[in-house]
Amino acid sequence: MKHEIPQVLQFDLFLKYPELIHGMSTRCGGVSQGIYDSLNMGWGLGDDPELVTKNYQIFANALGFPAESYTFSDQVHQAQIAVIDRSDCGNGFMFPKKDELKGMDGLITNKKGVALTIFSADCVPLIFYDPYQQVIAAAHSGWRGTVADIAGRMVDQLEKTFHCQPRHILVGIGPCISWQNFEVGQDVKKEFEKNGKYDILNKVFDRKINGKYLLDLRSYIALALEEKGILPENMEISKECTYGQPELFFSHRRSGLARGSHIMVIYLK
């Protein structure tokens, strides 16, 4: 079985803050085998749970936080956000998910020692940090969550609950499927049009000759966050493509459910 040092992807913007630990896993450096080769972090996809648990330990060791602090929910491609307390630490990993934390695609905390964890395999993983209020957050934004504006709702929640100012909030927009590989139909475009952000839509939808569209999720999220007051210089947008780089990433669009999954973690020391 493979057991290497995992390849961790990080944002330069967040590495400036020694009180933070953060990173996204790739598929490299774990112990899973076959279609899950090798650092599969996804539960319920058919992989051996013991190997998945070992992968979590490997990744936590690589980043330098205790594995028992992993905290996550069962993401449902919506825009519900939960404020996490110390009593929730370990939710989904050390103990079964609490009912009140089910169906959440966004997590926020100002508590130290909690590893907010988001799953992805083409969708956009997002992390947030306000260094003034010492608040961290993470969100899962597929196209449905993007339509529901989970990123913007996260900014609203940070303002309302923790008195964060948008101009102070840092955002990392992580590896996902690139616009060149994300073909969608008119039905998806119509869902975005319901938000009325036509100035943004004109920049992120590229019509193809077959009547389909190529959609740039990362750019849509970044532009929508700017409308919320997030400064462009406080955002870092990854360039990696989960679909186009099979040596590094699992991809739902490429492989369906015959695949593993990644995680993005943010942790306040």
C-alpha atoms as a PDB file:
ATOM      1  CA  MET A   1       0.000   0.000   0.000  1.00  0.00           C
ATOM      2  CA  LYS A   2       1.106   3.522  -0.685  1.00  0.00           C
ATOM      3  CA  HIS A   3       1.937   5.756   2.226  1.00  0.00           C
ATOM      4  CA  GLU A   4       3.711   8.865   1.061  1.00  0.00           C
ATOM      5  CA  ILE A   5       3.804  12.448   2.230  1.00  0.00           C
ATOM      6  CA  PRO A   6       0.560  13.856   0.845  1.00  0.00           C
ATOM      7  CA  GLN A   7       0.690  16.671  -1.652  1.00  0.00           C
ATOM      8  CA  VAL A   8      -1.079  19.573   0.045  1.00  0.00           C
ATOM      9  CA  LEU A   9      -2.329  22.622  -1.866  1.00  0.00           C
ATOM     10  CA  GLN A  10      -2.320  25.918   0.017  1.00  0.00           C
ATOM     11  CA  PHE A  11      -3.046  29.597  -0.567  1.00  0.00           C
ATOM     12  CA  ASP A  12      -0.150  32.058  -0.307  1.00  0.00           C
ATOM     13  CA  LEU A  13      -2.641  34.580   1.067  1.00  0.00           C
ATOM     14  CA  PHE A  14      -3.383  32.388   4.090  1.00  0.00           C
ATOM     15  CA  LEU A  15       0.206  31.266   4.692  1.00  0.00           C
ATOM     16  CA  LYS A  16       0.973  34.801   5.926  1.00  0.00           C
ATOM     17  CA  TYR A  17      -0.902  34.073   9.154  1.00  0.00           C
ATOM     18  CA  PRO A  18       0.972  31.765  11.547  1.00  0.00           C
ATOM     19  CA  GLU A  19      -2.150  31.254  13.665  1.00  0.00           C
ATOM     20  CA  LEU A  20      -3.792  29.406  10.755  1.00  0.00           C
ATOM     21  CA  ILE A  21      -3.502  25.894   9.388  1.00  0.00           C
ATOM     22  CA  HIS A  22      -5.155  25.234   6.064  1.00  0.00           C
ATOM     23  CA  GLY A  23      -4.856  23.067   2.985  1.00  0.00           C
ATOM     24  CA  MET A  24      -6.581  20.983   0.346  1.00  0.00           C
ATOM     25  CA  SER A  25      -5.774  17.350  -0.267  1.00  0.00           C
ATOM     26  CA  THR A  26      -4.987  15.906  -3.675  1.00  0.00           C
ATOM     27  CA  ARG A  27      -5.321  12.221  -4.554  1.00  0.00           C
ATOM     28  CA  CYS A  28      -1.609  11.668  -3.783  1.00  0.00           C
ATOM     29  CA  GLY A  29      -0.003  10.259  -0.672  1.00  0.00           C
ATOM     30  CA  GLY A  30      -2.557   7.944   0.937  1.00  0.00           C
ATOM     31  CA  VAL A  31      -3.224   4.245   1.415  1.00  0.00           C
ATOM     32  CA  SER A  32      -6.398   3.662  -0.632  1.00  0.00           C
ATOM     33  CA  GLN A  33      -6.216   1.455  -3.705  1.00  0.00           C
ATOM     34  CA  GLY A  34      -7.835   0.946  -7.108  1.00  0.00           C
ATOM     35  CA  ILE A  35     -10.174   3.730  -8.231  1.00  0.00           C
ATOM     36  CA  TYR A  36      -9.581   5.429  -4.848  1.00  0.00           C
ATOM     37  CA  ASP A  37      -5.813   5.562  -5.303  1.00  0.00           C
ATOM     38  CA  SER A  38      -4.582   6.880  -3.002  1.00  0.00           C
ATOM     39  CA  LEU A  39      -5.532   9.727  -0.622  1.00  0.00           C
ATOM     40  CA  ASN A  40      -9.285   9.265  -0.779  1.00  0.00           C
ATOM     41  CA  MET A  41     -11.082  11.358   1.849  1.00  0.00           C
ATOM     42  CA  GLY A  42     -14.614  10.424   0.793  1.00  0.00           C
ATOM     43  CA  TRP A  43     -16.937   8.293   2.904  1.00  0.00           C
ATOM     44  CA  GLY A  44     -19.731   6.215   1.409  1.00  0.00           C
ATOM     45  CA  LEU A  45     -18.124   5.846  -2.004  1.00  0.00           C
ATOM     46  CA  GLY A  46     -17.202   2.185  -1.560  1.00  0.00           C
ATOM     47  CA  ASP A  47     -13.689   2.522  -0.172  1.00  0.00           C
ATOM     48  CA  ASP A  48     -12.577   0.607   2.925  1.00  0.00           C
ATOM     49  CA  PRO A  49     -13.510   2.856   5.905  1.00  0.00           C
ATOM     50  CA  GLU A  50     -10.338   1.842   7.732  1.00  0.00           C
ATOM     51  CA  LEU A  51      -8.229   3.092   4.839  1.00  0.00           C
ATOM     52  CA  VAL A  52     -10.197   6.339   4.637  1.00  0.00           C
ATOM     53  CA  THR A  53      -9.667   6.864   8.367  1.00  0.00           C
ATOM     54  CA  LYS A  54      -5.949   6.267   7.882  1.00  0.00           C
ATOM     55  CA  ASN A  55      -5.910   8.836   5.074  1.00  0.00           C
ATOM     56  CA  TYR A  56      -7.459  11.385   7.423  1.00  0.00           C
ATOM     57  CA  GLN A  57      -4.726  10.708   9.957  1.00  0.00           C
ATOM     58  CA  ILE A  58      -2.024  11.051   7.300  1.00  0.00           C
ATOM     59  CA  PHE A  59      -3.401  14.399   6.144  1.00  0.00           C
ATOM     60  CA  ALA A  60      -3.808  15.748   9.687  1.00  0.00           C
ATOM     61  CA  ASN A  61      -0.244  14.728  10.503  1.00  0.00           C
ATOM     62  CA  ALA A  62       1.042  16.459   7.371  1.00  0.00           C
ATOM     63  CA  LEU A  63      -0.685  19.735   8.255  1.00  0.00           C
ATOM     64  CA  GLY A  64      -0.004  19.493  11.982  1.00  0.00           C
ATOM     65  CA  PHE A  65      -3.368  19.327  13.735  1.00  0.00           C
ATOM     66  CA  PRO A  66      -5.054  16.511  15.722  1.00  0.00           C
ATOM     67  CA  ALA A  67      -7.271  14.270  13.585  1.00  0.00           C
ATOM     68  CA  GLU A  68     -10.001  14.267  16.234  1.00  0.00           C
ATOM     69  CA  SER A  69     -10.657  17.950  15.429  1.00  0.00           C
ATOM     70  CA  TYR A  70     -12.001  17.243  11.903  1.00  0.00           C
ATOM     71  CA  THR A  71     -15.519  18.712  11.826  1.00  0.00           C
ATOM     72  CA  PHE A  72     -17.888  18.342   8.874  1.00  0.00           C
ATOM     73  CA  SER A  73     -21.487  17.938   7.736  1.00  0.00           C
ATOM     74  CA  ASP A  74     -23.263  16.052   4.960  1.00  0.00           C
ATOM     75  CA  GLN A  75     -23.216  18.582   2.143  1.00  0.00           C
ATOM     76  CA  VAL A  76     -26.404  18.814   0.074  1.00  0.00           C
ATOM     77  CA  HIS A  77     -25.548  21.440  -2.593  1.00  0.00           C
ATOM     78  CA  GLN A  78     -27.551  24.195  -0.895  1.00  0.00           C
ATOM     79  CA  ALA A  79     -26.589  27.291   1.109  1.00  0.00           C
ATOM     80  CA  GLN A  80     -27.263  26.471   4.765  1.00  0.00           C
ATOM     81  CA  ILE A  81     -24.518  27.569   7.171  1.00  0.00           C
ATOM     82  CA  ALA A  82     -23.815  26.353  10.707  1.00  0.00           C
ATOM     83  CA  VAL A  83     -21.938  28.193  13.437  1.00  0.00           C
ATOM     84  CA  ILE A  84     -19.662  25.614  15.062  1.00  0.00           C
ATOM     85  CA  ASP A  85     -18.829  25.550  18.770  1.00  0.00           C
ATOM     86  CA  ARG A  86     -16.254  23.511  20.656  1.00  0.00           C
ATOM     87  CA  SER A  87     -18.964  21.002  21.531  1.00  0.00           C
ATOM     88  CA  ASP A  88     -19.328  20.291  17.795  1.00  0.00           C
ATOM     89  CA  CYS A  89     -15.629  19.551  17.299  1.00  0.00           C
ATOM     90  CA  GLY A  90     -15.252  16.120  15.725  1.00  0.00           C
ATOM     91  CA  ASN A  91     -18.764  16.131  14.227  1.00  0.00           C
ATOM     92  CA  GLY A  92     -18.976  13.546  11.447  1.00  0.00           C
ATOM     93  CA  PHE A  93     -15.525  12.126  12.167  1.00  0.00           C
ATOM     94  CA  MET A  94     -15.256  11.263  15.860  1.00  0.00           C
ATOM     95  CA  PHE A  95     -19.006  10.803  16.334  1.00  0.00           C
ATOM     96  CA  PRO A  96     -22.134  10.684  14.115  1.00  0.00           C
ATOM     97  CA  LYS A  97     -23.344  13.947  12.635  1.00  0.00           C
ATOM     98  CA  LYS A  98     -25.660  15.888  14.921  1.00  0.00           C
ATOM     99  CA  ASP A  99     -29.154  16.349  13.483  1.00  0.00           C
ATOM    100  CA  GLU A 100     -28.868  20.139  13.735  1.00  0.00           C
ATOM    101  CA  LEU A 101     -25.655  20.066  11.694  1.00  0.00           C
ATOM    102  CA  LYS A 102     -26.974  17.908   8.865  1.00  0.00           C
ATOM    103  CA  GLY A 103     -27.543  19.472   5.456  1.00  0.00           C
ATOM    104  CA  MET A 104     -24.964  22.203   5.952  1.00  0.00           C
ATOM    105  CA  ASP A 105     -22.706  23.343   3.120  1.00  0.00           C
ATOM    106  CA  GLY A 106     -21.025  26.092   5.140  1.00  0.00           C
ATOM    107  CA  LEU A 107     -19.302  26.101   8.544  1.00  0.00           C
ATOM    108  CA  ILE A 108     -18.092  29.033  10.684  1.00  0.00           C
ATOM    109  CA  THR A 109     -16.261  29.209  14.004  1.00  0.00           C
ATOM    110  CA  ASN A 110     -14.210  31.547  16.155  1.00  0.00           C
ATOM    111  CA  LYS A 111     -13.095  28.652  18.342  1.00  0.00           C
ATOM    112  CA  LYS A 112      -9.526  27.409  18.298  1.00  0.00           C
ATOM    113  CA  GLY A 113      -8.725  23.781  17.663  1.00  0.00           C
ATOM    114  CA  VAL A 114     -11.605  23.051  15.258  1.00  0.00           C
ATOM    115  CA  ALA A 115     -10.727  21.791  11.760  1.00  0.00           C
ATOM    116  CA  LEU A 116     -13.566  22.975   9.536  1.00  0.00           C
ATOM    117  CA  THR A 117     -13.685  20.452   6.692  1.00  0.00           C
ATOM    118  CA  ILE A 118     -15.306  20.646   3.254  1.00  0.00           C
ATOM    119  CA  PHE A 119     -15.539  17.837   0.667  1.00  0.00           C
ATOM    120  CA  SER A 120     -15.200  18.353  -3.089  1.00  0.00           C
ATOM    121  CA  ALA A 121     -14.604  16.543  -6.375  1.00  0.00           C
ATOM    122  CA  ASP A 122     -15.265  19.275  -8.996  1.00  0.00           C
ATOM    123  CA  CYS A 123     -17.306  21.698  -6.849  1.00  0.00           C
ATOM    124  CA  VAL A 124     -15.597  24.813  -5.499  1.00  0.00           C
ATOM    125  CA  PRO A 125     -14.150  24.622  -1.970  1.00  0.00           C
ATOM    126  CA  LEU A 126     -14.008  28.011  -0.249  1.00  0.00           C
ATOM    127  CA  ILE A 127     -12.260  29.147   2.916  1.00  0.00           C
ATOM    128  CA  PHE A 128     -12.609  32.481   4.714  1.00  0.00           C
ATOM    129  CA  TYR A 129     -10.603  34.222   7.431  1.00  0.00           C
ATOM    130  CA  ASP A 130     -11.023  37.500   9.271  1.00  0.00           C
ATOM    131  CA  PRO A 131      -7.697  38.161  11.039  1.00  0.00           C
ATOM    132  CA  TYR A 132      -9.220  41.042  13.016  1.00  0.00           C
ATOM    133  CA  GLN A 133     -12.083  39.059  14.569  1.00  0.00           C
ATOM    134  CA  GLN A 134     -10.194  35.727  14.428  1.00  0.00           C
ATOM    135  CA  VAL A 135     -13.006  33.910  12.665  1.00  0.00           C
ATOM    136  CA  ILE A 136     -12.643  31.106  10.119  1.00  0.00           C
ATOM    137  CA  ALA A 137     -15.163  29.588   7.712  1.00  0.00           C
ATOM    138  CA  ALA A 138     -15.402  27.001   4.953  1.00  0.00           C
ATOM    139  CA  ALA A 139     -18.013  26.387   2.275  1.00  0.00           C
ATOM    140  CA  HIS A 140     -18.852  23.947  -0.509  1.00  0.00           C
ATOM    141  CA  SER A 141     -20.105  25.691  -3.658  1.00  0.00           C
ATOM    142  CA  GLY A 142     -21.203  23.569  -6.601  1.00  0.00           C
ATOM    143  CA  TRP A 143     -23.311  25.215  -9.273  1.00  0.00           C
ATOM    144  CA  ARG A 144     -26.463  24.877  -7.159  1.00  0.00           C
ATOM    145  CA  GLY A 145     -24.757  26.335  -4.113  1.00  0.00           C
ATOM    146  CA  THR A 146     -23.358  29.107  -6.284  1.00  0.00           C
ATOM    147  CA  VAL A 147     -26.853  29.924  -7.575  1.00  0.00           C
ATOM    148  CA  ALA A 148     -28.021  29.975  -3.939  1.00  0.00           C
ATOM    149  CA  ASP A 149     -25.115  32.375  -3.196  1.00  0.00           C
ATOM    150  CA  ILE A 150     -23.538  30.412  -0.370  1.00  0.00           C
ATOM    151  CA  ALA A 151     -20.404  32.588  -0.635  1.00  0.00           C
ATOM    152  CA  GLY A 152     -22.396  35.788  -0.250  1.00  0.00           C
ATOM    153  CA  ARG A 153     -24.458  34.302   2.551  1.00  0.00           C
ATOM    154  CA  MET A 154     -21.233  33.403   4.309  1.00  0.00           C
ATOM    155  CA  VAL A 155     -20.150  37.049   4.221  1.00  0.00           C
ATOM    156  CA  ASP A 156     -23.564  38.067   5.594  1.00  0.00           C
ATOM    157  CA  GLN A 157     -23.261  35.506   8.412  1.00  0.00           C
ATOM    158  CA  LEU A 158     -19.744  36.653   9.276  1.00  0.00           C
ATOM    159  CA  GLU A 159     -20.998  40.236   9.512  1.00  0.00           C
ATOM    160  CA  LYS A 160     -24.117  39.391  11.507  1.00  0.00           C
ATOM    161  CA  THR A 161     -22.722  36.871  13.969  1.00  0.00           C
ATOM    162  CA  PHE A 162     -19.116  37.968  14.423  1.00  0.00           C
ATOM    163  CA  HIS A 163     -19.199  41.644  13.346  1.00  0.00           C
ATOM    164  CA  CYS A 164     -16.683  41.045  10.565  1.00  0.00           C
ATOM    165  CA  GLN A 165     -16.164  43.792   8.020  1.00  0.00           C
ATOM    166  CA  PRO A 166     -16.097  42.568   4.396  1.00  0.00           C
ATOM    167  CA  ARG A 167     -12.959  44.594   3.645  1.00  0.00           C
ATOM    168  CA  HIS A 168     -11.116  42.557   6.280  1.00  0.00           C
ATOM    169  CA  ILE A 169     -12.241  39.101   5.115  1.00  0.00           C
ATOM    170  CA  LEU A 170      -9.791  36.930   3.168  1.00  0.00           C
ATOM    171  CA  VAL A 171     -11.126  34.305   0.759  1.00  0.00           C
ATOM    172  CA  GLY A 172      -9.463  31.301  -0.865  1.00  0.00           C
ATOM    173  CA  ILE A 173     -11.258  29.885  -3.920  1.00  0.00           C
ATOM    174  CA  GLY A 174      -9.941  26.382  -4.344  1.00  0.00           C
ATOM    175  CA  PRO A 175      -9.326  23.843  -7.120  1.00  0.00           C
ATOM    176  CA  CYS A 176     -12.449  22.769  -8.994  1.00  0.00           C
ATOM    177  CA  ILE A 177     -13.567  21.954 -12.522  1.00  0.00           C
ATOM    178  CA  SER A 178     -12.339  24.675 -14.881  1.00  0.00           C
ATOM    179  CA  TRP A 179     -14.635  26.591 -17.217  1.00  0.00           C
ATOM    180  CA  GLN A 180     -13.043  24.879 -20.235  1.00  0.00           C
ATOM    181  CA  ASN A 181     -14.383  21.528 -18.981  1.00  0.00           C
ATOM    182  CA  PHE A 182     -17.643  22.548 -17.337  1.00  0.00           C
ATOM    183  CA  GLU A 183     -20.313  22.328 -20.013  1.00  0.00           C
ATOM    184  CA  VAL A 184     -23.878  23.055 -18.871  1.00  0.00           C
ATOM    185  CA  GLY A 185     -27.260  23.402 -20.531  1.00  0.00           C
ATOM    186  CA  GLN A 186     -29.795  26.178 -20.839  1.00  0.00           C
ATOM    187  CA  ASP A 187     -31.533  24.885 -17.704  1.00  0.00           C
ATOM    188  CA  VAL A 188     -28.502  25.744 -15.563  1.00  0.00           C
ATOM    189  CA  LYS A 189     -28.139  29.167 -17.148  1.00  0.00           C
ATOM    190  CA  LYS A 190     -31.809  29.916 -16.433  1.00  0.00           C
ATOM    191  CA  GLU A 191     -31.266  29.109 -12.749  1.00  0.00           C
ATOM    192  CA  PHE A 192     -28.458  31.673 -12.615  1.00  0.00           C
ATOM    193  CA  GLU A 193     -30.584  34.229 -14.463  1.00  0.00           C
ATOM    194  CA  LYS A 194     -33.112  34.154 -11.632  1.00  0.00           C
ATOM    195  CA  ASN A 195     -30.546  36.068  -9.554  1.00  0.00           C
ATOM    196  CA  GLY A 196     -30.532  38.892 -12.080  1.00  0.00           C
ATOM    197  CA  LYS A 197     -26.760  39.363 -12.008  1.00  0.00           C
ATOM    198  CA  TYR A 198     -26.561  39.825 -15.775  1.00  0.00           C
ATOM    199  CA  ASP A 199     -23.352  41.857 -15.630  1.00  0.00           C
ATOM    200  CA  ILE A 200     -21.680  38.838 -14.036  1.00  0.00           C
ATOM    201  CA  LEU A 201     -23.418  36.237 -16.199  1.00  0.00           C
ATOM    202  CA  ASN A 202     -22.100  37.867 -19.372  1.00  0.00           C
ATOM    203  CA  LYS A 203     -18.569  37.337 -18.073  1.00  0.00           C
ATOM    204  CA  VAL A 204     -18.846  33.724 -16.914  1.00  0.00           C
ATOM    205  CA  PHE A 205     -21.087  31.979 -19.485  1.00  0.00           C
ATOM    206  CA  ASP A 206     -19.520  31.213 -22.870  1.00  0.00           C
ATOM    207  CA  ARG A 207     -22.005  29.918 -25.449  1.00  0.00           C
ATOM    208  CA  LYS A 208     -20.895  26.975 -27.604  1.00  0.00           C
ATOM    209  CA  ILE A 209     -22.010  26.189 -31.143  1.00  0.00           C
ATOM    210  CA  ASN A 210     -23.983  23.179 -29.846  1.00  0.00           C
ATOM    211  CA  GLY A 211     -26.249  25.462 -27.813  1.00  0.00           C
ATOM    212  CA  LYS A 212     -24.577  24.528 -24.527  1.00  0.00           C
ATOM    213  CA  TYR A 213     -22.479  26.830 -22.357  1.00  0.00           C
ATOM    214  CA  LEU A 214     -19.137  26.749 -20.616  1.00  0.00           C
ATOM    215  CA  LEU A 215     -19.473  28.068 -17.056  1.00  0.00           C
ATOM    216  CA  ASP A 216     -16.686  29.652 -14.994  1.00  0.00           C
ATOM    217  CA  LEU A 217     -17.812  28.991 -11.426  1.00  0.00           C
ATOM    218  CA  ARG A 218     -14.713  30.463  -9.802  1.00  0.00           C
ATOM    219  CA  SER A 219     -15.063  33.783 -11.592  1.00  0.00           C
ATOM    220  CA  TYR A 220     -18.781  33.987 -10.775  1.00  0.00           C
ATOM    221  CA  ILE A 221     -18.059  33.467  -7.082  1.00  0.00           C
ATOM    222  CA  ALA A 222     -15.235  36.024  -7.083  1.00  0.00           C
ATOM    223  CA  LEU A 223     -17.349  38.668  -8.826  1.00  0.00           C
ATOM    224  CA  ALA A 224     -20.309  38.021  -6.531  1.00  0.00           C
ATOM    225  CA  LEU A 225     -18.017  38.366  -3.496  1.00  0.00           C
ATOM    226  CA  GLU A 226     -16.752  41.694  -4.800  1.00  0.00           C
ATOM    227  CA  GLU A 227     -20.365  42.869  -4.830  1.00  0.00           C
ATOM    228  CA  LYS A 228     -20.474  41.928  -1.133  1.00  0.00           C
ATOM    229  CA  GLY A 229     -17.486  44.151  -0.390  1.00  0.00           C
ATOM    230  CA  ILE A 230     -14.671  41.584  -0.492  1.00  0.00           C
ATOM    231  CA  LEU A 231     -11.565  43.296  -1.869  1.00  0.00           C
ATOM    232  CA  PRO A 232     -10.002  41.682  -4.972  1.00  0.00           C
ATOM    233  CA  GLU A 233      -6.591  41.755  -3.307  1.00  0.00           C
ATOM    234  CA  ASN A 234      -8.045  39.739  -0.418  1.00  0.00           C
ATOM    235  CA  MET A 235      -9.043  36.859  -2.684  1.00  0.00           C
ATOM    236  CA  GLU A 236      -6.808  34.119  -4.067  1.00  0.00           C
ATOM    237  CA  ILE A 237      -8.223  32.033  -6.913  1.00  0.00           C
ATOM    238  CA  SER A 238      -6.658  28.667  -7.732  1.00  0.00           C
ATOM    239  CA  LYS A 239      -5.926  27.725 -11.323  1.00  0.00           C
ATOM    240  CA  GLU A 240      -5.968  23.918 -11.001  1.00  0.00           C
ATOM    241  CA  CYS A 241      -8.644  21.881 -12.760  1.00  0.00           C
ATOM    242  CA  THR A 242      -9.985  18.775 -11.037  1.00  0.00           C
ATOM    243  CA  TYR A 243     -11.328  17.401 -14.333  1.00  0.00           C
ATOM    244  CA  GLY A 244      -8.262  18.069 -16.461  1.00  0.00           C
ATOM    245  CA  GLN A 245      -5.583  16.890 -14.019  1.00  0.00           C
ATOM    246  CA  PRO A 246      -6.407  13.224 -13.256  1.00  0.00           C
ATOM    247  CA  GLU A 247      -2.947  12.613 -11.811  1.00  0.00           C
ATOM    248  CA  LEU A 248      -3.753  15.071  -9.001  1.00  0.00           C
ATOM    249  CA  PHE A 249      -7.517  15.075  -8.572  1.00  0.00           C
ATOM    250  CA  PHE A 250     -10.662  12.999  -8.418  1.00  0.00           C
ATOM    251  CA  SER A 251     -13.466  14.328 -10.618  1.00  0.00           C
ATOM    252  CA  HIS A 252     -17.174  13.571 -10.437  1.00  0.00           C
ATOM    253  CA  ARG A 253     -17.743  14.731 -13.998  1.00  0.00           C
ATOM    254  CA  ARG A 254     -14.915  12.549 -15.264  1.00  0.00           C
ATOM    255  CA  SER A 255     -15.608   9.407 -13.210  1.00  0.00           C
ATOM    256  CA  GLY A 256     -19.049   9.669 -11.650  1.00  0.00           C
ATOM    257  CA  LEU A 257     -19.209   7.935  -8.282  1.00  0.00           C
ATOM    258  CA  ALA A 258     -16.344   5.583  -9.222  1.00  0.00           C
ATOM    259  CA  ARG A 259     -13.870   7.886  -7.515  1.00  0.00           C
ATOM    260  CA  GLY A 260     -12.581   9.301  -4.271  1.00  0.00           C
ATOM    261  CA  SER A 261     -13.000  12.778  -2.821  1.00  0.00           C
ATOM    262  CA  HIS A 262     -10.855  15.655  -1.555  1.00  0.00           C
ATOM    263  CA  ILE A 263     -11.115  17.829   1.519  1.00  0.00           C
ATOM    264  CA  MET A 264     -10.304  21.459   2.234  1.00  0.00           C
ATOM    265  CA  VAL A 265      -9.490  22.251   5.859  1.00  0.00           C
ATOM    266  CA  ILE A 266      -9.045  25.468   7.823  1.00  0.00           C
ATOM    267  CA  TYR A 267      -8.022  25.437  11.494  1.00  0.00           C
ATOM    268  CA  LEU A 268      -7.309  28.188  14.010  1.00  0.00           C
ATOM    269  CA  LYS A 269      -4.451  27.278  16.333  1.00  0.00           C
END
